[in-house]
PDB file of N, CA and C in Angstrom:
ATOM      1  N   MET A   1     -24.305  59.809  82.858  1.00  0.00           N
ATOM      2  CA  MET A   1     -24.949  59.062  82.092  1.00  0.00           C
ATOM      3  C   MET A   1     -26.064  60.537  81.085  1.00  0.00           C
ATOM      4  N   LYS A   2     -25.922  60.117  80.148  1.00  0.00           N
ATOM      5  CA  LYS A   2     -27.002  61.137  79.230  1.00  0.00           C
ATOM      6  C   LYS A   2     -27.755  60.208  78.787  1.00  0.00           C
ATOM      7  N   GLY A   3     -29.466  60.738  78.492  1.00  0.00           N
ATOM      8  CA  GLY A   3     -29.965  59.835  77.638  1.00  0.00           C
ATOM      9  C   GLY A   3     -30.916  60.580  76.985  1.00  0.00           C
ATOM     10  N   GLU A   4     -31.097  60.013  75.512  1.00  0.00           N
ATOM     11  CA  GLU A   4     -32.217  60.590  74.734  1.00  0.00           C
ATOM     12  C   GLU A   4     -33.273  59.451  74.154  1.00  0.00           C
ATOM     13  N   GLU A   5     -34.410  59.979  74.471  1.00  0.00           N
ATOM     14  CA  GLU A   5     -35.109  59.352  73.366  1.00  0.00           C
ATOM     15  C   GLU A   5     -35.233  59.585  71.530  1.00  0.00           C
ATOM     16  N   ILE A   6     -35.362  58.441  71.071  1.00  0.00           N
ATOM     17  CA  ILE A   6     -35.416  58.696  69.609  1.00  0.00           C
ATOM     18  C   ILE A   6     -36.545  57.836  68.837  1.00  0.00           C
ATOM     19  N   VAL A   7     -37.112  58.579  68.093  1.00  0.00           N
ATOM     20  CA  VAL A   7     -38.574  57.592  67.159  1.00  0.00           C
ATOM     21  C   VAL A   7     -37.934  57.154  66.107  1.00  0.00           C
ATOM     22  N   ILE A   8     -37.503  55.871  65.664  1.00  0.00           N
ATOM     23  CA  ILE A   8     -36.742  55.410  64.032  1.00  0.00           C
ATOM     24  C   ILE A   8     -37.368  55.495  63.488  1.00  0.00           C
ATOM     25  N   LYS A   9     -37.259  56.728  62.009  1.00  0.00           N
ATOM     26  CA  LYS A   9     -38.255  57.520  61.149  1.00  0.00           C
ATOM     27  C   LYS A   9     -38.523  55.345  60.490  1.00  0.00           C
ATOM     28  N   GLY A  10     -39.778  54.971  60.169  1.00  0.00           N
ATOM     29  CA  GLY A  10     -40.598  54.405  59.570  1.00  0.00           C
ATOM     30  C   GLY A  10     -40.385  52.815  60.147  1.00  0.00           C
ATOM     31  N   ILE A  11     -40.017  52.963  61.206  1.00  0.00           N
ATOM     32  CA  ILE A  11     -40.253  51.704  62.397  1.00  0.00           C
ATOM     33  C   ILE A  11     -40.805  51.952  63.507  1.00  0.00           C
ATOM     34  N   GLN A  12     -41.273  53.331  64.293  1.00  0.00           N
ATOM     35  CA  GLN A  12     -41.606  53.586  65.005  1.00  0.00           C
ATOM     36  C   GLN A  12     -41.256  52.494  66.025  1.00  0.00           C
ATOM     37  N   LYS A  13     -40.647  52.929  66.985  1.00  0.00           N
ATOM     38  CA  LYS A  13     -39.891  52.008  67.849  1.00  0.00           C
ATOM     39  C   LYS A  13     -39.192  53.312  68.816  1.00  0.00           C
ATOM     40  N   ASN A  14     -39.163  53.821  69.580  1.00  0.00           N
ATOM     41  CA  ASN A  14     -38.590  54.721  71.072  1.00  0.00           C
ATOM     42  C   ASN A  14     -37.835  53.580  71.545  1.00  0.00           C
ATOM     43  N   MET A  15     -36.169  54.177  71.145  1.00  0.00           N
ATOM     44  CA  MET A  15     -34.825  53.933  71.612  1.00  0.00           C
ATOM     45  C   MET A  15     -34.944  55.046  72.703  1.00  0.00           C
ATOM     46  N   VAL A  16     -33.824  54.456  73.865  1.00  0.00           N
ATOM     47  CA  VAL A  16     -33.232  55.501  74.579  1.00  0.00           C
ATOM     48  C   VAL A  16     -31.717  55.523  74.073  1.00  0.00           C
ATOM     49  N   VAL A  17     -30.626  56.260  74.048  1.00  0.00           N
ATOM     50  CA  VAL A  17     -29.392  56.182  73.886  1.00  0.00           C
ATOM     51  C   VAL A  17     -29.038  56.908  74.986  1.00  0.00           C
ATOM     52  N   VAL A  18     -27.923  55.918  75.709  1.00  0.00           N
ATOM     53  CA  VAL A  18     -26.770  56.628  76.586  1.00  0.00           C
ATOM     54  C   VAL A  18     -25.699  56.387  76.273  1.00  0.00           C
ATOM     55  N   LYS A  19     -25.446  57.952  76.265  1.00  0.00           N
ATOM     56  CA  LYS A  19     -24.073  58.539  75.573  1.00  0.00           C
ATOM     57  C   LYS A  19     -23.208  58.347  77.310  1.00  0.00           C
ATOM     58  N   ASN A  20     -21.877  58.341  77.109  1.00  0.00           N
ATOM     59  CA  ASN A  20     -21.019  58.347  77.959  1.00  0.00           C
ATOM     60  C   ASN A  20     -20.794  57.147  79.315  1.00  0.00           C
ATOM     61  N   THR A  21     -20.599  55.739  78.623  1.00  0.00           N
ATOM     62  CA  THR A  21     -21.238  54.945  79.639  1.00  0.00           C
ATOM     63  C   THR A  21     -20.716  55.033  80.850  1.00  0.00           C
ATOM     64  N   GLY A  22     -19.504  55.462  80.449  1.00  0.00           N
ATOM     65  CA  GLY A  22     -18.465  55.301  82.115  1.00  0.00           C
ATOM     66  C   GLY A  22     -17.489  53.911  81.667  1.00  0.00           C
ATOM     67  N   SER A  23     -17.634  53.009  80.665  1.00  0.00           N
ATOM     68  CA  SER A  23     -16.916  51.854  79.500  1.00  0.00           C
ATOM     69  C   SER A  23     -16.052  52.072  79.272  1.00  0.00           C
ATOM     70  N   ARG A  24     -15.122  51.923  79.150  1.00  0.00           N
ATOM     71  CA  ARG A  24     -13.628  52.039  78.517  1.00  0.00           C
ATOM     72  C   ARG A  24     -14.126  50.941  77.099  1.00  0.00           C
ATOM     73  N   ILE A  25     -14.947  49.945  76.818  1.00  0.00           N
ATOM     74  CA  ILE A  25     -14.748  49.311  75.550  1.00  0.00           C
ATOM     75  C   ILE A  25     -16.008  49.730  75.060  1.00  0.00           C
ATOM     76  N   PHE A  26     -17.025  50.709  75.738  1.00  0.00           N
ATOM     77  CA  PHE A  26     -18.697  50.927  74.767  1.00  0.00           C
ATOM     78  C   PHE A  26     -18.838  52.618  75.473  1.00  0.00           C
ATOM     79  N   GLU A  27     -19.145  52.838  73.665  1.00  0.00           N
ATOM     80  CA  GLU A  27     -19.190  54.309  74.307  1.00  0.00           C
ATOM     81  C   GLU A  27     -20.599  54.728  74.497  1.00  0.00           C
ATOM     82  N   GLU A  28     -21.346  54.349  73.201  1.00  0.00           N
ATOM     83  CA  GLU A  28     -22.675  54.571  73.298  1.00  0.00           C
ATOM     84  C   GLU A  28     -23.811  53.369  73.496  1.00  0.00           C
ATOM     85  N   ALA A  29     -24.316  53.048  74.433  1.00  0.00           N
ATOM     86  CA  ALA A  29     -25.981  52.338  74.090  1.00  0.00           C
ATOM     87  C   ALA A  29     -27.068  52.004  74.165  1.00  0.00           C
ATOM     88  N   TYR A  30     -27.747  51.338  73.133  1.00  0.00           N
ATOM     89  CA  TYR A  30     -28.837  51.926  73.264  1.00  0.00           C
ATOM     90  C   TYR A  30     -30.055  51.037  73.166  1.00  0.00           C
ATOM     91  N   PHE A  31     -30.771  51.508  73.660  1.00  0.00           N
ATOM     92  CA  PHE A  31     -31.873  50.627  73.928  1.00  0.00           C
ATOM     93  C   PHE A  31     -33.166  50.677  73.644  1.00  0.00           C
ATOM     94  N   ILE A  32     -34.034  49.735  72.710  1.00  0.00           N
ATOM     95  CA  ILE A  32     -35.252  49.785  72.198  1.00  0.00           C
ATOM     96  C   ILE A  32     -36.337  49.150  72.897  1.00  0.00           C
ATOM     97  N   LEU A  33     -37.622  50.370  73.007  1.00  0.00           N
ATOM     98  CA  LEU A  33     -38.501  49.999  74.074  1.00  0.00           C
ATOM     99  C   LEU A  33     -39.275  49.288  73.832  1.00  0.00           C
ATOM    100  N   ARG A  34     -40.078  48.300  74.435  1.00  0.00           N
ATOM    101  CA  ARG A  34     -41.131  47.464  74.353  1.00  0.00           C
ATOM    102  C   ARG A  34     -42.244  48.025  73.807  1.00  0.00           C
ATOM    103  N   GLU A  35     -42.861  48.098  72.995  1.00  0.00           N
ATOM    104  CA  GLU A  35     -44.013  48.554  72.273  1.00  0.00           C
ATOM    105  C   GLU A  35     -45.177  48.363  73.220  1.00  0.00           C
ATOM    106  N   LYS A  36     -44.757  47.754  74.749  1.00  0.00           N
ATOM    107  CA  LYS A  36     -46.329  48.129  75.557  1.00  0.00           C
ATOM    108  C   LYS A  36     -45.286  48.717  76.504  1.00  0.00           C
ATOM    109  N   ALA A  37     -44.223  49.279  76.843  1.00  0.00           N
ATOM    110  CA  ALA A  37     -43.883  49.980  77.929  1.00  0.00           C
ATOM    111  C   ALA A  37     -44.480  51.267  77.982  1.00  0.00           C
ATOM    112  N   ASP A  38     -44.712  51.755  79.393  1.00  0.00           N
ATOM    113  CA  ASP A  38     -45.456  52.659  79.307  1.00  0.00           C
ATOM    114  C   ASP A  38     -44.532  54.537  79.176  1.00  0.00           C
ATOM    115  N   SER A  39     -44.701  54.423  77.694  1.00  0.00           N
ATOM    116  CA  SER A  39     -44.441  56.160  76.946  1.00  0.00           C
ATOM    117  C   SER A  39     -44.588  57.097  77.905  1.00  0.00           C
ATOM    118  N   GLY A  40     -45.699  56.785  78.774  1.00  0.00           N
ATOM    119  CA  GLY A  40     -45.736  57.957  79.656  1.00  0.00           C
ATOM    120  C   GLY A  40     -44.770  58.542  80.623  1.00  0.00           C
ATOM    121  N   GLY A  41     -44.083  57.426  81.119  1.00  0.00           N
ATOM    122  CA  GLY A  41     -42.929  57.723  81.816  1.00  0.00           C
ATOM    123  C   GLY A  41     -41.925  58.820  81.492  1.00  0.00           C
ATOM    124  N   LYS A  42     -41.083  59.179  82.688  1.00  0.00           N
ATOM    125  CA  LYS A  42     -40.018  60.328  82.384  1.00  0.00           C
ATOM    126  C   LYS A  42     -39.273  60.108  82.012  1.00  0.00           C
ATOM    127  N   LYS A  43     -38.368  60.728  80.570  1.00  0.00           N
ATOM    128  CA  LYS A  43     -37.081  59.928  80.239  1.00  0.00           C
ATOM    129  C   LYS A  43     -36.076  60.332  81.282  1.00  0.00           C
ATOM    130  N   GLN A  44     -36.133  60.136  81.971  1.00  0.00           N
ATOM    131  CA  GLN A  44     -34.912  60.827  83.416  1.00  0.00           C
ATOM    132  C   GLN A  44     -34.593  58.653  84.249  1.00  0.00           C
ATOM    133  N   ASP A  45     -36.530  58.497  84.039  1.00  0.00           N
ATOM    134  CA  ASP A  45     -36.546  56.575  84.856  1.00  0.00           C
ATOM    135  C   ASP A  45     -36.065  55.780  83.553  1.00  0.00           C
ATOM    136  N   MET A  46     -36.561  56.264  82.602  1.00  0.00           N
ATOM    137  CA  MET A  46     -35.756  55.312  81.216  1.00  0.00           C
ATOM    138  C   MET A  46     -33.887  55.516  81.796  1.00  0.00           C
ATOM    139  N   VAL A  47     -33.687  56.472  81.193  1.00  0.00           N
ATOM    140  CA  VAL A  47     -32.165  56.865  81.309  1.00  0.00           C
ATOM    141  C   VAL A  47     -31.429  56.306  82.718  1.00  0.00           C
ATOM    142  N   THR A  48     -32.449  55.764  84.113  1.00  0.00           N
ATOM    143  CA  THR A  48     -32.103  55.160  84.894  1.00  0.00           C
ATOM    144  C   THR A  48     -32.219  53.809  85.125  1.00  0.00           C
ATOM    145  N   GLU A  49     -33.244  53.093  84.701  1.00  0.00           N
ATOM    146  CA  GLU A  49     -33.201  52.282  84.220  1.00  0.00           C
ATOM    147  C   GLU A  49     -32.438  51.555  82.953  1.00  0.00           C
ATOM    148  N   ALA A  50     -32.194  52.402  82.029  1.00  0.00           N
ATOM    149  CA  ALA A  50     -30.583  52.491  80.781  1.00  0.00           C
ATOM    150  C   ALA A  50     -29.160  52.507  81.688  1.00  0.00           C
ATOM    151  N   ASN A  51     -29.111  53.154  82.846  1.00  0.00           N
ATOM    152  CA  ASN A  51     -27.771  53.053  82.901  1.00  0.00           C
ATOM    153  C   ASN A  51     -27.929  51.739  84.349  1.00  0.00           C
ATOM    154  N   ARG A  52     -28.968  51.412  85.183  1.00  0.00           N
ATOM    155  CA  ARG A  52     -28.950  49.946  86.060  1.00  0.00           C
ATOM    156  C   ARG A  52     -28.516  48.893  85.274  1.00  0.00           C
ATOM    157  N   ILE A  53     -29.161  48.429  84.031  1.00  0.00           N
ATOM    158  CA  ILE A  53     -29.128  47.424  82.868  1.00  0.00           C
ATOM    159  C   ILE A  53     -27.358  47.612  82.724  1.00  0.00           C
ATOM    160  N   ILE A  54     -26.916  48.484  82.487  1.00  0.00           N
ATOM    161  CA  ILE A  54     -25.510  48.640  82.272  1.00  0.00           C
ATOM    162  C   ILE A  54     -24.354  48.717  83.038  1.00  0.00           C
ATOM    163  N   ALA A  55     -24.376  48.960  84.044  1.00  0.00           N
ATOM    164  CA  ALA A  55     -24.344  48.653  85.613  1.00  0.00           C
ATOM    165  C   ALA A  55     -24.228  46.919  85.797  1.00  0.00           C
ATOM    166  N   ALA A  56     -25.757  46.341  86.004  1.00  0.00           N
ATOM    167  CA  ALA A  56     -25.456  45.305  86.023  1.00  0.00           C
ATOM    168  C   ALA A  56     -24.595  44.383  84.586  1.00  0.00           C
ATOM    169  N   ASN A  57     -24.430  44.511  83.963  1.00  0.00           N
ATOM    170  CA  ASN A  57     -23.789  43.678  82.863  1.00  0.00           C
ATOM    171  C   ASN A  57     -22.465  44.021  82.777  1.00  0.00           C
ATOM    172  N   ILE A  58     -21.647  44.809  83.099  1.00  0.00           N
ATOM    173  CA  ILE A  58     -20.242  45.621  83.315  1.00  0.00           C
ATOM    174  C   ILE A  58     -19.478  45.170  84.556  1.00  0.00           C
ATOM    175  N   LEU A  59     -18.938  43.346  84.054  1.00  0.00           N
ATOM    176  CA  LEU A  59     -18.062  43.358  84.979  1.00  0.00           C
ATOM    177  C   LEU A  59     -16.568  43.541  85.375  1.00  0.00           C
ATOM    178  N   SER A  60     -16.616  43.759  86.751  1.00  0.00           N
ATOM    179  CA  SER A  60     -15.512  44.142  87.731  1.00  0.00           C
ATOM    180  C   SER A  60     -13.935  43.439  86.861  1.00  0.00           C
ATOM    181  N   PRO A  61     -13.132  43.471  87.545  1.00  0.00           N
ATOM    182  CA  PRO A  61     -11.479  43.233  86.268  1.00  0.00           C
ATOM    183  C   PRO A  61     -11.610  41.783  87.417  1.00  0.00           C
ATOM    184  N   GLU A  62     -12.060  41.985  88.681  1.00  0.00           N
ATOM    185  CA  GLU A  62     -11.757  40.931  89.874  1.00  0.00           C
ATOM    186  C   GLU A  62     -12.858  39.459  88.869  1.00  0.00           C
ATOM    187  N   LYS A  63     -14.312  40.140  88.347  1.00  0.00           N
ATOM    188  CA  LYS A  63     -15.389  39.344  88.397  1.00  0.00           C
ATOM    189  C   LYS A  63     -14.954  38.142  86.913  1.00  0.00           C
ATOM    190  N   ALA A  64     -14.275  39.586  86.016  1.00  0.00           N
ATOM    191  CA  ALA A  64     -14.244  39.029  84.809  1.00  0.00           C
ATOM    192  C   ALA A  64     -12.700  38.102  84.919  1.00  0.00           C
ATOM    193  N   LEU A  65     -12.025  38.135  85.928  1.00  0.00           N
ATOM    194  CA  LEU A  65     -11.218  37.139  86.214  1.00  0.00           C
ATOM    195  C   LEU A  65     -11.113  35.781  87.469  1.00  0.00           C
ATOM    196  N   THR A  66     -12.241  35.980  87.550  1.00  0.00           N
ATOM    197  CA  THR A  66     -12.837  34.452  88.606  1.00  0.00           C
ATOM    198  C   THR A  66     -14.610  33.733  87.236  1.00  0.00           C
ATOM    199  N   ALA A  67     -14.817  34.056  86.178  1.00  0.00           N
ATOM    200  CA  ALA A  67     -15.047  34.410  85.124  1.00  0.00           C
ATOM    201  C   ALA A  67     -13.769  33.288  84.310  1.00  0.00           C
ATOM    202  N   ARG A  68     -13.385  34.031  83.877  1.00  0.00           N
ATOM    203  CA  ARG A  68     -11.921  33.596  83.294  1.00  0.00           C
ATOM    204  C   ARG A  68     -11.885  32.214  83.869  1.00  0.00           C
ATOM    205  N   ARG A  69     -11.939  32.021  85.478  1.00  0.00           N
ATOM    206  CA  ARG A  69     -10.830  30.488  85.308  1.00  0.00           C
ATOM    207  C   ARG A  69     -11.930  29.248  85.745  1.00  0.00           C
ATOM    208  N   GLU A  70     -13.310  29.918  85.792  1.00  0.00           N
ATOM    209  CA  GLU A  70     -14.568  29.481  85.825  1.00  0.00           C
ATOM    210  C   GLU A  70     -14.860  28.259  84.269  1.00  0.00           C
ATOM    211  N   ARG A  71     -14.180  29.261  83.534  1.00  0.00           N
ATOM    212  CA  ARG A  71     -14.113  28.875  81.907  1.00  0.00           C
ATOM    213  C   ARG A  71     -13.285  27.611  81.756  1.00  0.00           C
ATOM    214  N   LYS A  72     -11.882  28.159  82.130  1.00  0.00           N
ATOM    215  CA  LYS A  72     -11.173  27.364  82.146  1.00  0.00           C
ATOM    216  C   LYS A  72     -11.087  25.638  83.501  1.00  0.00           C
ATOM    217  N   LYS A  73     -12.195  25.749  84.167  1.00  0.00           N
ATOM    218  CA  LYS A  73     -12.732  24.658  84.644  1.00  0.00           C
ATOM    219  C   LYS A  73     -12.990  24.067  84.591  1.00  0.00           C
ATOM    220  N   GLU A  74     -13.987  24.404  84.266  1.00  0.00           N
ATOM    221  CA  GLU A  74     -15.172  23.879  82.808  1.00  0.00           C
ATOM    222  C   GLU A  74     -14.070  22.932  81.766  1.00  0.00           C
ATOM    223  N   ARG A  75     -13.883  23.859  81.053  1.00  0.00           N
ATOM    224  CA  ARG A  75     -13.302  23.645  79.873  1.00  0.00           C
ATOM    225  C   ARG A  75     -12.113  22.182  80.067  1.00  0.00           C
ATOM    226  N   ARG A  76     -11.757  22.131  80.902  1.00  0.00           N
ATOM    227  CA  ARG A  76     -10.530  21.094  81.598  1.00  0.00           C
ATOM    228  C   ARG A  76     -11.652  19.458  82.417  1.00  0.00           C
ATOM    229  N   ARG A  77     -12.925  20.162  82.945  1.00  0.00           N
ATOM    230  CA  ARG A  77     -13.618  18.946  83.402  1.00  0.00           C
ATOM    231  C   ARG A  77     -13.865  18.171  82.047  1.00  0.00           C
ATOM    232  N   ARG A  78     -14.683  18.941  81.432  1.00  0.00           N
ATOM    233  CA  ARG A  78     -14.765  18.508  79.647  1.00  0.00           C
ATOM    234  C   ARG A  78     -13.940  17.583  79.134  1.00  0.00           C
ATOM    235  N   LEU A  79     -12.509  18.217  79.054  1.00  0.00           N
ATOM    236  CA  LEU A  79     -11.867  17.414  78.308  1.00  0.00           C
ATOM    237  C   LEU A  79     -11.379  16.314  79.196  1.00  0.00           C
ATOM    238  N   LEU A  80     -11.422  16.192  80.728  1.00  0.00           N
ATOM    239  CA  LEU A  80     -10.615  14.935  81.650  1.00  0.00           C
ATOM    240  C   LEU A  80     -12.291  13.626  81.205  1.00  0.00           C
ATOM    241  N   PHE A  81     -13.967  14.177  81.662  1.00  0.00           N
ATOM    242  CA  PHE A  81     -14.703  13.619  81.054  1.00  0.00           C
ATOM    243  C   PHE A  81     -14.881  12.721  79.293  1.00  0.00           C
ATOM    244  N   PHE A  82     -13.895  13.350  78.860  1.00  0.00           N
ATOM    245  CA  PHE A  82     -13.916  13.024  77.438  1.00  0.00           C
ATOM    246  C   PHE A  82     -13.119  12.036  77.162  1.00  0.00           C
ATOM    247  N   PHE A  83     -11.398  12.261  77.640  1.00  0.00           N
ATOM    248  CA  PHE A  83     -10.834  11.131  77.688  1.00  0.00           C
ATOM    249  C   PHE A  83     -11.028   9.961  78.533  1.00  0.00           C
ATOM    250  N   LEU A  84     -11.697  10.391  80.052  1.00  0.00           N
ATOM    251  CA  LEU A  84     -12.390   9.052  80.894  1.00  0.00           C
ATOM    252  C   LEU A  84     -13.117   8.129  79.768  1.00  0.00           C
ATOM    253  N   GLY A  85     -14.505   9.020  79.092  1.00  0.00           N
ATOM    254  CA  GLY A  85     -15.179   7.740  77.968  1.00  0.00           C
ATOM    255  C   GLY A  85     -14.466   7.117  76.734  1.00  0.00           C
ATOM    256  N   ILE A  86     -13.262   7.827  76.652  1.00  0.00           N
ATOM    257  CA  ILE A  86     -12.406   7.148  75.352  1.00  0.00           C
ATOM    258  C   ILE A  86     -11.369   5.808  76.201  1.00  0.00           C
ATOM    259  N   LEU A  87     -10.871   6.076  77.235  1.00  0.00           N
ATOM    260  CA  LEU A  87     -10.329   5.022  77.829  1.00  0.00           C
ATOM    261  C   LEU A  87     -11.744   4.069  78.506  1.00  0.00           C
ATOM    262  N   ALA A  88     -12.623   4.192  78.768  1.00  0.00           N
ATOM    263  CA  ALA A  88     -14.169   3.249  79.074  1.00  0.00           C
ATOM    264  C   ALA A  88     -14.335   2.472  78.145  1.00  0.00           C
ATOM    265  N   GLY A  89     -14.079   2.921  77.169  1.00  0.00           N
ATOM    266  CA  GLY A  89     -14.982   2.707  75.156  1.00  0.00           C
ATOM    267  C   GLY A  89     -13.829   1.440  74.930  1.00  0.00           C
ATOM    268  N   ALA A  90     -12.488   2.241  75.320  1.00  0.00           N
ATOM    269  CA  ALA A  90     -11.479   1.107  75.041  1.00  0.00           C
ATOM    270  C   ALA A  90     -11.012  -0.340  75.661  1.00  0.00           C
ATOM    271  N   ALA A  91     -11.254   0.370  77.105  1.00  0.00           N
ATOM    272  CA  ALA A  91     -11.378  -1.193  77.819  1.00  0.00           C
ATOM    273  C   ALA A  91     -12.628  -2.333  77.988  1.00  0.00           C
ATOM    274  N   ALA A  92     -13.774  -1.770  77.309  1.00  0.00           N
ATOM    275  CA  ALA A  92     -14.859  -2.645  76.660  1.00  0.00           C
ATOM    276  C   ALA A  92     -14.533  -3.336  75.797  1.00  0.00           C
ATOM    277  N   SER A  93     -13.778  -2.557  74.703  1.00  0.00           N
ATOM    278  CA  SER A  93     -14.032  -3.200  73.471  1.00  0.00           C
ATOM    279  C   SER A  93     -12.687  -4.558  73.565  1.00  0.00           C
ATOM    280  N   ALA A  94     -11.363  -4.137  74.378  1.00  0.00           N
ATOM    281  CA  ALA A  94     -10.554  -5.137  74.668  1.00  0.00           C
ATOM    282  C   ALA A  94     -11.024  -6.294  75.314  1.00  0.00           C
ATOM    283  N   THR A  95     -12.038  -5.691  76.524  1.00  0.00           N
ATOM    284  CA  THR A  95     -12.350  -7.083  77.325  1.00  0.00           C
ATOM    285  C   THR A  95     -13.399  -7.850  76.154  1.00  0.00           C
ATOM    286  N   LEU A  96     -14.162  -7.581  74.998  1.00  0.00           N
ATOM    287  CA  LEU A  96     -15.140  -8.462  74.319  1.00  0.00           C
ATOM    288  C   LEU A  96     -14.080  -8.894  73.077  1.00  0.00           C
ATOM    289  N   PHE A  97     -12.417  -8.093  72.859  1.00  0.00           N
ATOM    290  CA  PHE A  97     -11.763  -9.171  72.210  1.00  0.00           C
ATOM    291  C   PHE A  97     -11.558 -10.105  72.837  1.00  0.00           C
ATOM    292  N   PHE A  98     -11.194  -9.974  74.203  1.00  0.00           N
ATOM    293  CA  PHE A  98     -10.235 -10.856  74.930  1.00  0.00           C
ATOM    294  C   PHE A  98     -11.367 -12.041  75.004  1.00  0.00           C
ATOM    295  N   LEU A  99     -12.774 -11.857  75.256  1.00  0.00           N
ATOM    296  CA  LEU A  99     -13.207 -12.511  75.757  1.00  0.00           C
ATOM    297  C   LEU A  99     -13.716 -13.449  74.469  1.00  0.00           C
ATOM    298  N   LEU A 100     -14.470 -12.936  73.277  1.00  0.00           N
ATOM    299  CA  LEU A 100     -14.722 -13.867  72.129  1.00  0.00           C
ATOM    300  C   LEU A 100     -13.510 -14.340  71.180  1.00  0.00           C
TER     301      LEU A 100
END
């Protein structure tokens, strides 16, 4: 992966552009450096850090499937608690109705 440092005109921000990320989805990635970042660092260090961030945030197919299953499981759990809450409210209302 190749990176280059760019200064955005008028804003004076340093940016690292990573081309050919290796992703099927993203062609390029743009990283804007912090103002307090060590600008004396080597360009290759910045590119290496950008590549590390990209690699850490791209999900493998197995991780994507696991994440999808976890979201479905969480959705079912929330739905179950929602209906249990409705049932508890209905039971409390029925109890009060018959007692009064």
